[in-house]
Amino acid sequence: MPDTAPMIPAEIGAEQFAAQTSAILGSVGAVIDGKPDAVRSALICLLAEGHLLIEDVPGVGKTMLARALAASVDATVRRIQFTPDLLPGDVTGVSVYNPVDREFEFKRGAIFAHIVIADEINRSSPKTQSALLEAMEEGQVTVDGDTHPLPRPFLVVATQNPLEMEGTYALPEAQRDRFMMRISMGYPDAAAEALMLRQRDVVNPLAAVAAVVDATDISRLVAWARSVHVAPALEEYAVALAQATRVDPSLHLGASPRATLQLVRAAKVWAALDGREFVIPDDLTALLVPVFAHRLLPARGAHRAGAQPVEAALAQIADRVRVPVAARS
């Protein structure tokens, strides 16, 4: 798929959408045992043209999920290991002088791929983290005044360790807001962990993963998901949820307009994966925490005052904001 290729119209039907998305879920799920919600969230970000942040302690399969998703799609994939000495040019690319032609040539960085795995993103400095801002929001990179478009579809799957871990830097608010969803893998249950011990002692499950779709298929799936209907009443409901976070006394920073837009886009994919061509209120509330929580900041002194954490505040907002009755009108 050319770097500057436009999105392809939805030339598929509901049956083909269901078949191809089921194939992706099955391919990734064969590697990630007992984590169907995490696998579904990764697919939602891919089809909603968002980016995914996976935050959890080391060793629970964050990178494995990203690599399994990438292996299931026949598209260009790059992995960037974020370290304290990583430079912005290593991510975006640099201009190098060519003595033969006597002019500067742009050498592309690792960001030029359909799927980019940003491993342990919070181990690099904020300066290097900021190299992703333009790419994640605008799908392009500007170096030395020249703009270079990124391939489409484009997905960043970033992993990070909790901030209390040594050698980590907090992601700034602008960076967190670029991620459509943040999820946690969590520890596997006893049965899944025992199965992992038996199956992975001699075999790497990633070696058996084969691509089930390509970049063109993903573009068609994206177009199909975007055609899912959202009633005006549900659009107003999404706005009301976002506005409620901005006036909640337990929150210092509420959801941005970008968060509202991404909540609706993610809800469209959620509905499409459930076999519906329209969004219902439950789609929005189910995605409220993974889409909003990482963007919000608790009010200063909120914990000392006994206030609820961000997730609990979102639960209260979901209960408080009136659900539209005629959601499909």
C-alpha atoms as a PDB file:
ATOM      1  CA  MET A   1       0.000   0.000   0.000  1.00  0.00           C
ATOM      2  CA  PRO A   2       1.602   3.334  -1.032  1.00  0.00           C
ATOM      3  CA  ASP A   3       2.449   5.787   1.725  1.00  0.00           C
ATOM      4  CA  THR A   4       0.093   8.448   0.376  1.00  0.00           C
ATOM      5  CA  ALA A   5      -2.765   6.127  -0.590  1.00  0.00           C
ATOM      6  CA  PRO A   6      -6.235   7.400   0.383  1.00  0.00           C
ATOM      7  CA  MET A   7      -8.579   5.406   2.543  1.00  0.00           C
ATOM      8  CA  ILE A   8     -10.523   2.844   0.530  1.00  0.00           C
ATOM      9  CA  PRO A   9     -14.349   3.002   0.602  1.00  0.00           C
ATOM     10  CA  ALA A  10     -16.259   0.303   2.437  1.00  0.00           C
ATOM     11  CA  GLU A  11     -16.391  -2.326  -0.319  1.00  0.00           C
ATOM     12  CA  ILE A  12     -17.220  -5.134   2.072  1.00  0.00           C
ATOM     13  CA  GLY A  13     -20.369  -6.362   3.722  1.00  0.00           C
ATOM     14  CA  ALA A  14     -21.270  -7.230   7.271  1.00  0.00           C
ATOM     15  CA  GLU A  15     -20.371 -10.909   6.791  1.00  0.00           C
ATOM     16  CA  GLN A  16     -16.905 -10.151   5.470  1.00  0.00           C
ATOM     17  CA  PHE A  17     -16.326  -7.625   8.260  1.00  0.00           C
ATOM     18  CA  ALA A  18     -17.290 -10.217  10.851  1.00  0.00           C
ATOM     19  CA  ALA A  19     -15.144 -12.916   9.237  1.00  0.00           C
ATOM     20  CA  GLN A  20     -12.010 -10.803   8.986  1.00  0.00           C
ATOM     21  CA  THR A  21     -12.264  -9.281  12.447  1.00  0.00           C
ATOM     22  CA  SER A  22     -12.907 -12.723  13.935  1.00  0.00           C
ATOM     23  CA  ALA A  23      -9.792 -13.974  12.169  1.00  0.00           C
ATOM     24  CA  ILE A  24      -7.712 -11.173  13.688  1.00  0.00           C
ATOM     25  CA  LEU A  25      -9.133 -11.759  17.161  1.00  0.00           C
ATOM     26  CA  GLY A  26      -8.487 -15.470  16.857  1.00  0.00           C
ATOM     27  CA  SER A  27      -4.937 -14.982  15.616  1.00  0.00           C
ATOM     28  CA  VAL A  28      -3.983 -12.619  18.435  1.00  0.00           C
ATOM     29  CA  GLY A  29      -5.980 -14.563  21.020  1.00  0.00           C
ATOM     30  CA  ALA A  30      -3.971 -17.696  20.237  1.00  0.00           C
ATOM     31  CA  VAL A  31      -0.895 -15.885  21.578  1.00  0.00           C
ATOM     32  CA  ILE A  32      -2.477 -13.924  24.435  1.00  0.00           C
ATOM     33  CA  ASP A  33      -4.135 -16.509  26.648  1.00  0.00           C
ATOM     34  CA  GLY A  34      -7.128 -15.493  28.744  1.00  0.00           C
ATOM     35  CA  LYS A  35      -7.135 -11.787  27.795  1.00  0.00           C
ATOM     36  CA  PRO A  36      -9.985 -11.346  25.283  1.00  0.00           C
ATOM     37  CA  ASP A  37     -10.788  -7.804  26.471  1.00  0.00           C
ATOM     38  CA  ALA A  38      -7.208  -6.634  25.866  1.00  0.00           C
ATOM     39  CA  VAL A  39      -7.177  -8.230  22.405  1.00  0.00           C
ATOM     40  CA  ARG A  40     -10.510  -6.613  21.535  1.00  0.00           C
ATOM     41  CA  SER A  41      -9.266  -3.205  22.706  1.00  0.00           C
ATOM     42  CA  ALA A  42      -6.208  -3.474  20.469  1.00  0.00           C
ATOM     43  CA  LEU A  43      -8.390  -4.267  17.458  1.00  0.00           C
ATOM     44  CA  ILE A  44     -10.730  -1.381  18.282  1.00  0.00           C
ATOM     45  CA  CYS A  45      -7.818   1.070  18.243  1.00  0.00           C
ATOM     46  CA  LEU A  46      -6.606  -0.295  14.918  1.00  0.00           C
ATOM     47  CA  LEU A  47     -10.024  -0.009  13.223  1.00  0.00           C
ATOM     48  CA  ALA A  48     -10.891   3.344  14.839  1.00  0.00           C
ATOM     49  CA  GLU A  49      -7.599   4.838  13.624  1.00  0.00           C
ATOM     50  CA  GLY A  50      -6.454   5.508  17.150  1.00  0.00           C
ATOM     51  CA  HIS A  51      -3.413   4.514  19.180  1.00  0.00           C
ATOM     52  CA  LEU A  52      -3.122   2.129  22.098  1.00  0.00           C
ATOM     53  CA  LEU A  53      -1.238   2.544  25.380  1.00  0.00           C
ATOM     54  CA  ILE A  54      -0.684  -0.649  27.396  1.00  0.00           C
ATOM     55  CA  GLU A  55       0.386   0.052  30.969  1.00  0.00           C
ATOM     56  CA  ASP A  56       1.303  -2.661  33.431  1.00  0.00           C
ATOM     57  CA  VAL A  57       4.143  -4.248  35.359  1.00  0.00           C
ATOM     58  CA  PRO A  58       6.891  -6.046  33.415  1.00  0.00           C
ATOM     59  CA  GLY A  59       6.355  -9.585  32.202  1.00  0.00           C
ATOM     60  CA  VAL A  60       2.578  -9.741  31.736  1.00  0.00           C
ATOM     61  CA  GLY A  61       2.530  -9.753  27.920  1.00  0.00           C
ATOM     62  CA  LYS A  62       2.337  -6.087  26.900  1.00  0.00           C
ATOM     63  CA  THR A  63       4.878  -6.380  24.098  1.00  0.00           C
ATOM     64  CA  MET A  64       3.594  -9.830  23.177  1.00  0.00           C
ATOM     65  CA  LEU A  65       0.138  -8.369  22.491  1.00  0.00           C
ATOM     66  CA  ALA A  66       1.593  -5.638  20.285  1.00  0.00           C
ATOM     67  CA  ARG A  67       3.756  -8.078  18.349  1.00  0.00           C
ATOM     68  CA  ALA A  68       0.889 -10.572  17.912  1.00  0.00           C
ATOM     69  CA  LEU A  69      -1.357  -7.864  16.468  1.00  0.00           C
ATOM     70  CA  ALA A  70       1.406  -6.736  14.132  1.00  0.00           C
ATOM     71  CA  ALA A  71       2.092 -10.304  12.990  1.00  0.00           C
ATOM     72  CA  SER A  72      -1.596 -10.814  12.182  1.00  0.00           C
ATOM     73  CA  VAL A  73      -1.570  -7.963   9.660  1.00  0.00           C
ATOM     74  CA  ASP A  74       0.440  -8.213   6.445  1.00  0.00           C
ATOM     75  CA  ALA A  75       1.811  -4.684   6.659  1.00  0.00           C
ATOM     76  CA  THR A  76       5.037  -2.905   7.526  1.00  0.00           C
ATOM     77  CA  VAL A  77       5.919  -3.166  11.209  1.00  0.00           C
ATOM     78  CA  ARG A  78       8.674  -1.423  13.155  1.00  0.00           C
ATOM     79  CA  ARG A  79       9.627  -1.774  16.777  1.00  0.00           C
ATOM     80  CA  ILE A  80      11.301   1.042  18.700  1.00  0.00           C
ATOM     81  CA  GLN A  81      12.916   0.210  22.018  1.00  0.00           C
ATOM     82  CA  PHE A  82      12.665   3.446  23.996  1.00  0.00           C
ATOM     83  CA  THR A  83      15.754   3.995  26.148  1.00  0.00           C
ATOM     84  CA  PRO A  84      17.156   7.066  27.944  1.00  0.00           C
ATOM     85  CA  ASP A  85      19.692   7.657  25.135  1.00  0.00           C
ATOM     86  CA  LEU A  86      17.173   7.403  22.273  1.00  0.00           C
ATOM     87  CA  LEU A  87      17.106  10.589  20.172  1.00  0.00           C
ATOM     88  CA  PRO A  88      14.124  12.157  18.356  1.00  0.00           C
ATOM     89  CA  GLY A  89      15.890  11.628  15.028  1.00  0.00           C
ATOM     90  CA  ASP A  90      16.005   7.900  15.695  1.00  0.00           C
ATOM     91  CA  VAL A  91      12.210   7.964  15.693  1.00  0.00           C
ATOM     92  CA  THR A  92      11.320  10.435  12.937  1.00  0.00           C
ATOM     93  CA  GLY A  93      14.414  10.345  10.744  1.00  0.00           C
ATOM     94  CA  VAL A  94      17.193  12.805   9.900  1.00  0.00           C
ATOM     95  CA  SER A  95      18.565  14.734   6.941  1.00  0.00           C
ATOM     96  CA  VAL A  96      21.962  13.400   5.854  1.00  0.00           C
ATOM     97  CA  TYR A  97      24.323  15.198   3.488  1.00  0.00           C
ATOM     98  CA  ASN A  98      25.071  13.296   0.285  1.00  0.00           C
ATOM     99  CA  PRO A  99      28.543  14.356  -0.938  1.00  0.00           C
ATOM    100  CA  VAL A 100      27.925  12.877  -4.385  1.00  0.00           C
ATOM    101  CA  ASP A 101      24.769  14.852  -5.151  1.00  0.00           C
ATOM    102  CA  ARG A 102      25.840  17.707  -2.850  1.00  0.00           C
ATOM    103  CA  GLU A 103      22.460  17.907  -1.204  1.00  0.00           C
ATOM    104  CA  PHE A 104      20.727  16.651   1.918  1.00  0.00           C
ATOM    105  CA  GLU A 105      18.706  13.449   1.778  1.00  0.00           C
ATOM    106  CA  PHE A 106      16.017  12.466   4.267  1.00  0.00           C
ATOM    107  CA  LYS A 107      16.607   9.110   5.918  1.00  0.00           C
ATOM    108  CA  ARG A 108      13.364   7.758   7.321  1.00  0.00           C
ATOM    109  CA  GLY A 109      13.156   6.775  10.963  1.00  0.00           C
ATOM    110  CA  ALA A 110      11.399   3.832  12.501  1.00  0.00           C
ATOM    111  CA  ILE A 111       8.090   5.715  12.675  1.00  0.00           C
ATOM    112  CA  PHE A 112       7.516   5.073   8.952  1.00  0.00           C
ATOM    113  CA  ALA A 113       5.480   1.889   9.209  1.00  0.00           C
ATOM    114  CA  HIS A 114       1.835   0.848   9.330  1.00  0.00           C
ATOM    115  CA  ILE A 115       2.195  -0.505  12.873  1.00  0.00           C
ATOM    116  CA  VAL A 116       4.794   0.939  15.233  1.00  0.00           C
ATOM    117  CA  ILE A 117       5.550  -0.812  18.526  1.00  0.00           C
ATOM    118  CA  ALA A 118       6.863   1.781  20.987  1.00  0.00           C
ATOM    119  CA  ASP A 119       8.257  -0.496  23.668  1.00  0.00           C
ATOM    120  CA  GLU A 120       8.610   0.976  27.176  1.00  0.00           C
ATOM    121  CA  ILE A 121       7.844   4.455  25.891  1.00  0.00           C
ATOM    122  CA  ASN A 122       8.207   6.083  29.300  1.00  0.00           C
ATOM    123  CA  ARG A 123      11.868   5.062  29.620  1.00  0.00           C
ATOM    124  CA  SER A 124      12.921   7.749  27.144  1.00  0.00           C
ATOM    125  CA  SER A 125      13.166  11.463  27.853  1.00  0.00           C
ATOM    126  CA  PRO A 126      10.195  13.798  27.272  1.00  0.00           C
ATOM    127  CA  LYS A 127      12.112  15.319  24.340  1.00  0.00           C
ATOM    128  CA  THR A 128      12.162  11.982  22.552  1.00  0.00           C
ATOM    129  CA  GLN A 129       8.565  11.223  23.500  1.00  0.00           C
ATOM    130  CA  SER A 130       7.506  14.496  21.859  1.00  0.00           C
ATOM    131  CA  ALA A 131       8.793  13.209  18.513  1.00  0.00           C
ATOM    132  CA  LEU A 132       5.599  11.134  18.328  1.00  0.00           C
ATOM    133  CA  LEU A 133       3.146  14.007  18.792  1.00  0.00           C
ATOM    134  CA  GLU A 134       2.826  15.135  15.175  1.00  0.00           C
ATOM    135  CA  ALA A 135       2.949  11.589  13.830  1.00  0.00           C
ATOM    136  CA  MET A 136       0.173  10.327  16.087  1.00  0.00           C
ATOM    137  CA  GLU A 137      -2.153  13.269  15.537  1.00  0.00           C
ATOM    138  CA  GLU A 138      -1.585  14.291  11.923  1.00  0.00           C
ATOM    139  CA  GLY A 139      -0.140  11.162  10.324  1.00  0.00           C
ATOM    140  CA  GLN A 140       2.965  12.984   9.136  1.00  0.00           C
ATOM    141  CA  VAL A 141       6.486  13.950  10.163  1.00  0.00           C
ATOM    142  CA  THR A 142       8.128  17.335   9.640  1.00  0.00           C
ATOM    143  CA  VAL A 143      11.926  17.449   9.557  1.00  0.00           C
ATOM    144  CA  ASP A 144      13.936  20.527   8.522  1.00  0.00           C
ATOM    145  CA  GLY A 145      10.796  22.204   7.201  1.00  0.00           C
ATOM    146  CA  ASP A 146       9.794  19.308   4.935  1.00  0.00           C
ATOM    147  CA  THR A 147       6.663  17.286   5.651  1.00  0.00           C
ATOM    148  CA  HIS A 148       6.640  13.537   5.024  1.00  0.00           C
ATOM    149  CA  PRO A 149       3.316  11.615   5.132  1.00  0.00           C
ATOM    150  CA  LEU A 150       3.123   8.365   7.040  1.00  0.00           C
ATOM    151  CA  PRO A 151       1.594   5.199   5.581  1.00  0.00           C
ATOM    152  CA  ARG A 152      -2.058   4.430   6.177  1.00  0.00           C
ATOM    153  CA  PRO A 153      -3.389   2.742   8.161  1.00  0.00           C
ATOM    154  CA  PHE A 154      -1.092   3.920  10.952  1.00  0.00           C
ATOM    155  CA  LEU A 155      -1.155   2.592  14.503  1.00  0.00           C
ATOM    156  CA  VAL A 156       1.144   3.167  17.466  1.00  0.00           C
ATOM    157  CA  VAL A 157       1.001   0.492  20.150  1.00  0.00           C
ATOM    158  CA  ALA A 158       3.011   1.735  23.124  1.00  0.00           C
ATOM    159  CA  THR A 159       3.858  -0.108  26.297  1.00  0.00           C
ATOM    160  CA  GLN A 160       4.889   1.493  29.545  1.00  0.00           C
ATOM    161  CA  ASN A 161       5.744   0.444  33.062  1.00  0.00           C
ATOM    162  CA  PRO A 162       4.079   2.048  36.097  1.00  0.00           C
ATOM    163  CA  LEU A 163       5.690   5.317  37.162  1.00  0.00           C
ATOM    164  CA  GLU A 164       6.878   3.880  40.460  1.00  0.00           C
ATOM    165  CA  MET A 165       9.275   1.677  38.502  1.00  0.00           C
ATOM    166  CA  GLU A 166      12.872   2.896  38.374  1.00  0.00           C
ATOM    167  CA  GLY A 167      14.100   4.766  35.289  1.00  0.00           C
ATOM    168  CA  THR A 168      10.716   5.957  34.016  1.00  0.00           C
ATOM    169  CA  TYR A 169       9.521   9.389  32.907  1.00  0.00           C
ATOM    170  CA  ALA A 170       5.904  10.465  33.169  1.00  0.00           C
ATOM    171  CA  LEU A 171       4.149  10.939  29.834  1.00  0.00           C
ATOM    172  CA  PRO A 172       3.031  14.574  29.458  1.00  0.00           C
ATOM    173  CA  GLU A 173      -0.665  15.338  29.143  1.00  0.00           C
ATOM    174  CA  ALA A 174      -0.350  16.142  25.427  1.00  0.00           C
ATOM    175  CA  GLN A 175       1.210  12.743  24.780  1.00  0.00           C
ATOM    176  CA  ARG A 176      -1.386  10.805  26.775  1.00  0.00           C
ATOM    177  CA  ASP A 177      -4.182  12.608  24.953  1.00  0.00           C
ATOM    178  CA  ARG A 178      -2.895  11.222  21.641  1.00  0.00           C
ATOM    179  CA  PHE A 179      -3.683   7.683  22.758  1.00  0.00           C
ATOM    180  CA  MET A 180      -7.246   6.621  22.084  1.00  0.00           C
ATOM    181  CA  MET A 181      -7.236   3.975  24.811  1.00  0.00           C
ATOM    182  CA  ARG A 182      -5.170   2.859  27.763  1.00  0.00           C
ATOM    183  CA  ILE A 183      -5.509  -0.685  29.013  1.00  0.00           C
ATOM    184  CA  SER A 184      -3.810  -2.948  31.537  1.00  0.00           C
ATOM    185  CA  MET A 185      -3.025  -6.589  30.866  1.00  0.00           C
ATOM    186  CA  GLY A 186      -3.187  -7.800  34.452  1.00  0.00           C
ATOM    187  CA  TYR A 187      -1.857 -11.110  35.694  1.00  0.00           C
ATOM    188  CA  PRO A 188      -3.221 -14.258  34.041  1.00  0.00           C
ATOM    189  CA  ASP A 189      -5.436 -16.583  36.028  1.00  0.00           C
ATOM    190  CA  ALA A 190      -4.016 -19.857  37.318  1.00  0.00           C
ATOM    191  CA  ALA A 191      -5.347 -21.959  34.430  1.00  0.00           C
ATOM    192  CA  ALA A 192      -3.958 -19.622  31.755  1.00  0.00           C
ATOM    193  CA  GLU A 193      -0.581 -19.419  33.485  1.00  0.00           C
ATOM    194  CA  ALA A 194      -0.368 -23.207  33.792  1.00  0.00           C
ATOM    195  CA  LEU A 195      -1.247 -23.558  30.088  1.00  0.00           C
ATOM    196  CA  MET A 196       1.477 -21.061  29.253  1.00  0.00           C
ATOM    197  CA  LEU A 197       4.036 -23.146  31.122  1.00  0.00           C
ATOM    198  CA  ARG A 198       3.092 -26.272  29.189  1.00  0.00           C
ATOM    199  CA  GLN A 199       2.853 -24.729  25.721  1.00  0.00           C
ATOM    200  CA  ARG A 200       5.648 -22.163  25.709  1.00  0.00           C
ATOM    201  CA  ASP A 201       8.428 -24.176  27.251  1.00  0.00           C
ATOM    202  CA  VAL A 202       9.587 -25.372  23.828  1.00  0.00           C
ATOM    203  CA  VAL A 203       7.508 -23.339  21.327  1.00  0.00           C
ATOM    204  CA  ASN A 204       7.301 -19.602  20.729  1.00  0.00           C
ATOM    205  CA  PRO A 205       3.613 -18.875  19.954  1.00  0.00           C
ATOM    206  CA  LEU A 206       4.551 -15.856  17.835  1.00  0.00           C
ATOM    207  CA  ALA A 207       6.364 -18.128  15.394  1.00  0.00           C
ATOM    208  CA  ALA A 208       3.056 -19.758  14.465  1.00  0.00           C
ATOM    209  CA  VAL A 209       1.196 -16.481  13.826  1.00  0.00           C
ATOM    210  CA  ALA A 210       0.457 -15.825  10.162  1.00  0.00           C
ATOM    211  CA  ALA A 211      -1.047 -12.676   8.674  1.00  0.00           C
ATOM    212  CA  VAL A 212      -4.792 -13.012   8.168  1.00  0.00           C
ATOM    213  CA  VAL A 213      -5.392  -9.563   6.606  1.00  0.00           C
ATOM    214  CA  ASP A 214      -3.301  -6.958   4.808  1.00  0.00           C
ATOM    215  CA  ALA A 215      -3.180  -3.154   4.865  1.00  0.00           C
ATOM    216  CA  THR A 216      -5.849  -2.872   2.164  1.00  0.00           C
ATOM    217  CA  ASP A 217      -8.181  -5.131   4.144  1.00  0.00           C
ATOM    218  CA  ILE A 218      -7.649  -2.986   7.231  1.00  0.00           C
ATOM    219  CA  SER A 219      -8.538   0.134   5.243  1.00  0.00           C
ATOM    220  CA  ARG A 220     -11.807  -1.479   4.160  1.00  0.00           C
ATOM    221  CA  LEU A 221     -12.579  -2.575   7.720  1.00  0.00           C
ATOM    222  CA  VAL A 222     -11.913   0.978   8.929  1.00  0.00           C
ATOM    223  CA  ALA A 223     -14.262   2.396   6.299  1.00  0.00           C
ATOM    224  CA  TRP A 224     -16.985  -0.099   7.245  1.00  0.00           C
ATOM    225  CA  ALA A 225     -16.712   0.755  10.932  1.00  0.00           C
ATOM    226  CA  ARG A 226     -16.904   4.467  10.177  1.00  0.00           C
ATOM    227  CA  SER A 227     -20.217   3.912   8.403  1.00  0.00           C
ATOM    228  CA  VAL A 228     -21.852   2.767  11.652  1.00  0.00           C
ATOM    229  CA  HIS A 229     -24.710   5.126  12.549  1.00  0.00           C
ATOM    230  CA  VAL A 230     -24.595   7.357  15.623  1.00  0.00           C
ATOM    231  CA  ALA A 231     -27.912   9.054  16.471  1.00  0.00           C
ATOM    232  CA  PRO A 232     -27.800  12.781  17.307  1.00  0.00           C
ATOM    233  CA  ALA A 233     -29.037  11.989  20.813  1.00  0.00           C
ATOM    234  CA  LEU A 234     -26.041   9.728  21.356  1.00  0.00           C
ATOM    235  CA  GLU A 235     -23.659  12.396  20.085  1.00  0.00           C
ATOM    236  CA  GLU A 236     -25.142  14.745  22.680  1.00  0.00           C
ATOM    237  CA  TYR A 237     -24.759  12.004  25.296  1.00  0.00           C
ATOM    238  CA  ALA A 238     -21.045  11.640  24.486  1.00  0.00           C
ATOM    239  CA  VAL A 239     -20.594  15.408  24.768  1.00  0.00           C
ATOM    240  CA  ALA A 240     -22.435  15.452  28.093  1.00  0.00           C
ATOM    241  CA  LEU A 241     -20.134  12.748  29.468  1.00  0.00           C
ATOM    242  CA  ALA A 242     -17.053  14.724  28.449  1.00  0.00           C
ATOM    243  CA  GLN A 243     -18.404  17.995  29.845  1.00  0.00           C
ATOM    244  CA  ALA A 244     -19.222  16.313  33.141  1.00  0.00           C
ATOM    245  CA  THR A 245     -15.541  15.469  33.610  1.00  0.00           C
ATOM    246  CA  ARG A 246     -14.625  19.144  33.161  1.00  0.00           C
ATOM    247  CA  VAL A 247     -16.822  20.345  36.024  1.00  0.00           C
ATOM    248  CA  ASP A 248     -16.380  17.433  38.431  1.00  0.00           C
ATOM    249  CA  PRO A 249     -14.805  18.805  41.647  1.00  0.00           C
ATOM    250  CA  SER A 250     -12.710  15.651  42.134  1.00  0.00           C
ATOM    251  CA  LEU A 251     -10.974  16.148  38.756  1.00  0.00           C
ATOM    252  CA  HIS A 252      -8.351  18.789  37.986  1.00  0.00           C
ATOM    253  CA  LEU A 253      -8.203  18.059  34.239  1.00  0.00           C
ATOM    254  CA  GLY A 254     -11.216  16.837  32.284  1.00  0.00           C
ATOM    255  CA  ALA A 255     -11.584  15.104  28.935  1.00  0.00           C
ATOM    256  CA  SER A 256     -10.561  17.032  25.829  1.00  0.00           C
ATOM    257  CA  PRO A 257     -12.690  17.424  22.688  1.00  0.00           C
ATOM    258  CA  ARG A 258     -10.302  14.947  21.077  1.00  0.00           C
ATOM    259  CA  ALA A 259     -11.350  12.448  23.750  1.00  0.00           C
ATOM    260  CA  THR A 260     -15.022  12.944  22.862  1.00  0.00           C
ATOM    261  CA  LEU A 261     -14.324  12.333  19.182  1.00  0.00           C
ATOM    262  CA  GLN A 262     -12.312   9.222  19.916  1.00  0.00           C
ATOM    263  CA  LEU A 263     -14.966   7.886  22.285  1.00  0.00           C
ATOM    264  CA  VAL A 264     -17.526   7.989  19.475  1.00  0.00           C
ATOM    265  CA  ARG A 265     -15.116   6.470  16.946  1.00  0.00           C
ATOM    266  CA  ALA A 266     -14.269   3.637  19.321  1.00  0.00           C
ATOM    267  CA  ALA A 267     -17.971   3.073  20.028  1.00  0.00           C
ATOM    268  CA  LYS A 268     -18.612   2.656  16.294  1.00  0.00           C
ATOM    269  CA  VAL A 269     -16.053  -0.141  16.110  1.00  0.00           C
ATOM    270  CA  TRP A 270     -17.418  -1.691  19.305  1.00  0.00           C
ATOM    271  CA  ALA A 271     -20.885  -1.778  17.747  1.00  0.00           C
ATOM    272  CA  ALA A 272     -19.559  -3.183  14.470  1.00  0.00           C
ATOM    273  CA  LEU A 273     -17.728  -5.974  16.311  1.00  0.00           C
ATOM    274  CA  ASP A 274     -21.021  -6.816  18.018  1.00  0.00           C
ATOM    275  CA  GLY A 275     -22.683  -7.114  14.617  1.00  0.00           C
ATOM    276  CA  ARG A 276     -24.648  -3.867  14.783  1.00  0.00           C
ATOM    277  CA  GLU A 277     -24.759  -0.987  12.317  1.00  0.00           C
ATOM    278  CA  PHE A 278     -25.724   1.526  14.996  1.00  0.00           C
ATOM    279  CA  VAL A 279     -24.302   2.642  18.346  1.00  0.00           C
ATOM    280  CA  ILE A 280     -26.206   2.245  21.612  1.00  0.00           C
ATOM    281  CA  PRO A 281     -25.549   4.003  24.960  1.00  0.00           C
ATOM    282  CA  ASP A 282     -23.909   0.894  26.427  1.00  0.00           C
ATOM    283  CA  ASP A 283     -21.171   1.142  23.787  1.00  0.00           C
ATOM    284  CA  LEU A 284     -20.173   4.564  25.083  1.00  0.00           C
ATOM    285  CA  THR A 285     -20.289   3.677  28.771  1.00  0.00           C
ATOM    286  CA  ALA A 286     -18.323   0.453  28.210  1.00  0.00           C
ATOM    287  CA  LEU A 287     -15.489   2.482  26.674  1.00  0.00           C
ATOM    288  CA  LEU A 288     -15.628   5.408  29.084  1.00  0.00           C
ATOM    289  CA  VAL A 289     -12.773   4.280  31.351  1.00  0.00           C
ATOM    290  CA  PRO A 290     -10.298   3.025  28.707  1.00  0.00           C
ATOM    291  CA  VAL A 291     -10.834   6.138  26.546  1.00  0.00           C
ATOM    292  CA  PHE A 292     -11.109   8.838  29.236  1.00  0.00           C
ATOM    293  CA  ALA A 293      -9.253   7.694  32.365  1.00  0.00           C
ATOM    294  CA  HIS A 294      -5.658   8.239  31.209  1.00  0.00           C
ATOM    295  CA  ARG A 295      -6.460  11.798  30.116  1.00  0.00           C
ATOM    296  CA  LEU A 296      -7.894  12.911  33.460  1.00  0.00           C
ATOM    297  CA  LEU A 297      -6.048  14.245  36.491  1.00  0.00           C
ATOM    298  CA  PRO A 298      -7.447  14.141  40.032  1.00  0.00           C
ATOM    299  CA  ALA A 299      -7.808  17.426  41.861  1.00  0.00           C
ATOM    300  CA  ARG A 300      -4.957  18.444  44.142  1.00  0.00           C
ATOM    301  CA  GLY A 301      -5.418  17.018  47.582  1.00  0.00           C
ATOM    302  CA  ALA A 302      -8.282  14.861  46.352  1.00  0.00           C
ATOM    303  CA  HIS A 303      -6.795  11.687  47.811  1.00  0.00           C
ATOM    304  CA  ARG A 304      -6.094  13.375  51.125  1.00  0.00           C
ATOM    305  CA  ALA A 305      -9.676  14.595  51.177  1.00  0.00           C
ATOM    306  CA  GLY A 306     -10.929  11.082  50.652  1.00  0.00           C
ATOM    307  CA  ALA A 307     -12.103  11.613  47.070  1.00  0.00           C
ATOM    308  CA  GLN A 308     -12.562   8.660  44.718  1.00  0.00           C
ATOM    309  CA  PRO A 309      -9.916   7.800  42.110  1.00  0.00           C
ATOM    310  CA  VAL A 310     -10.407   8.729  38.458  1.00  0.00           C
ATOM    311  CA  GLU A 311     -12.108   5.436  37.561  1.00  0.00           C
ATOM    312  CA  ALA A 312     -14.615   5.819  40.368  1.00  0.00           C
ATOM    313  CA  ALA A 313     -15.298   9.414  39.330  1.00  0.00           C
ATOM    314  CA  LEU A 314     -16.067   8.203  35.800  1.00  0.00           C
ATOM    315  CA  ALA A 315     -18.425   5.567  37.175  1.00  0.00           C
ATOM    316  CA  GLN A 316     -20.291   8.250  39.109  1.00  0.00           C
ATOM    317  CA  ILE A 317     -20.457  10.453  36.014  1.00  0.00           C
ATOM    318  CA  ALA A 318     -21.884   7.577  33.975  1.00  0.00           C
ATOM    319  CA  ASP A 319     -24.584   7.099  36.608  1.00  0.00           C
ATOM    320  CA  ARG A 320     -25.295  10.816  36.855  1.00  0.00           C
ATOM    321  CA  VAL A 321     -25.512  11.813  33.178  1.00  0.00           C
ATOM    322  CA  ARG A 322     -28.928  11.131  31.728  1.00  0.00           C
ATOM    323  CA  VAL A 323     -29.019   8.386  29.087  1.00  0.00           C
ATOM    324  CA  PRO A 324     -31.009   9.354  26.001  1.00  0.00           C
ATOM    325  CA  VAL A 325     -34.235   7.390  25.684  1.00  0.00           C
ATOM    326  CA  ALA A 326     -34.727   7.604  21.893  1.00  0.00           C
ATOM    327  CA  ALA A 327     -31.067   6.768  21.168  1.00  0.00           C
ATOM    328  CA  ARG A 328     -31.759   5.372  17.702  1.00  0.00           C
ATOM    329  CA  SER A 329     -33.902   8.202  16.418  1.00  0.00           C
END
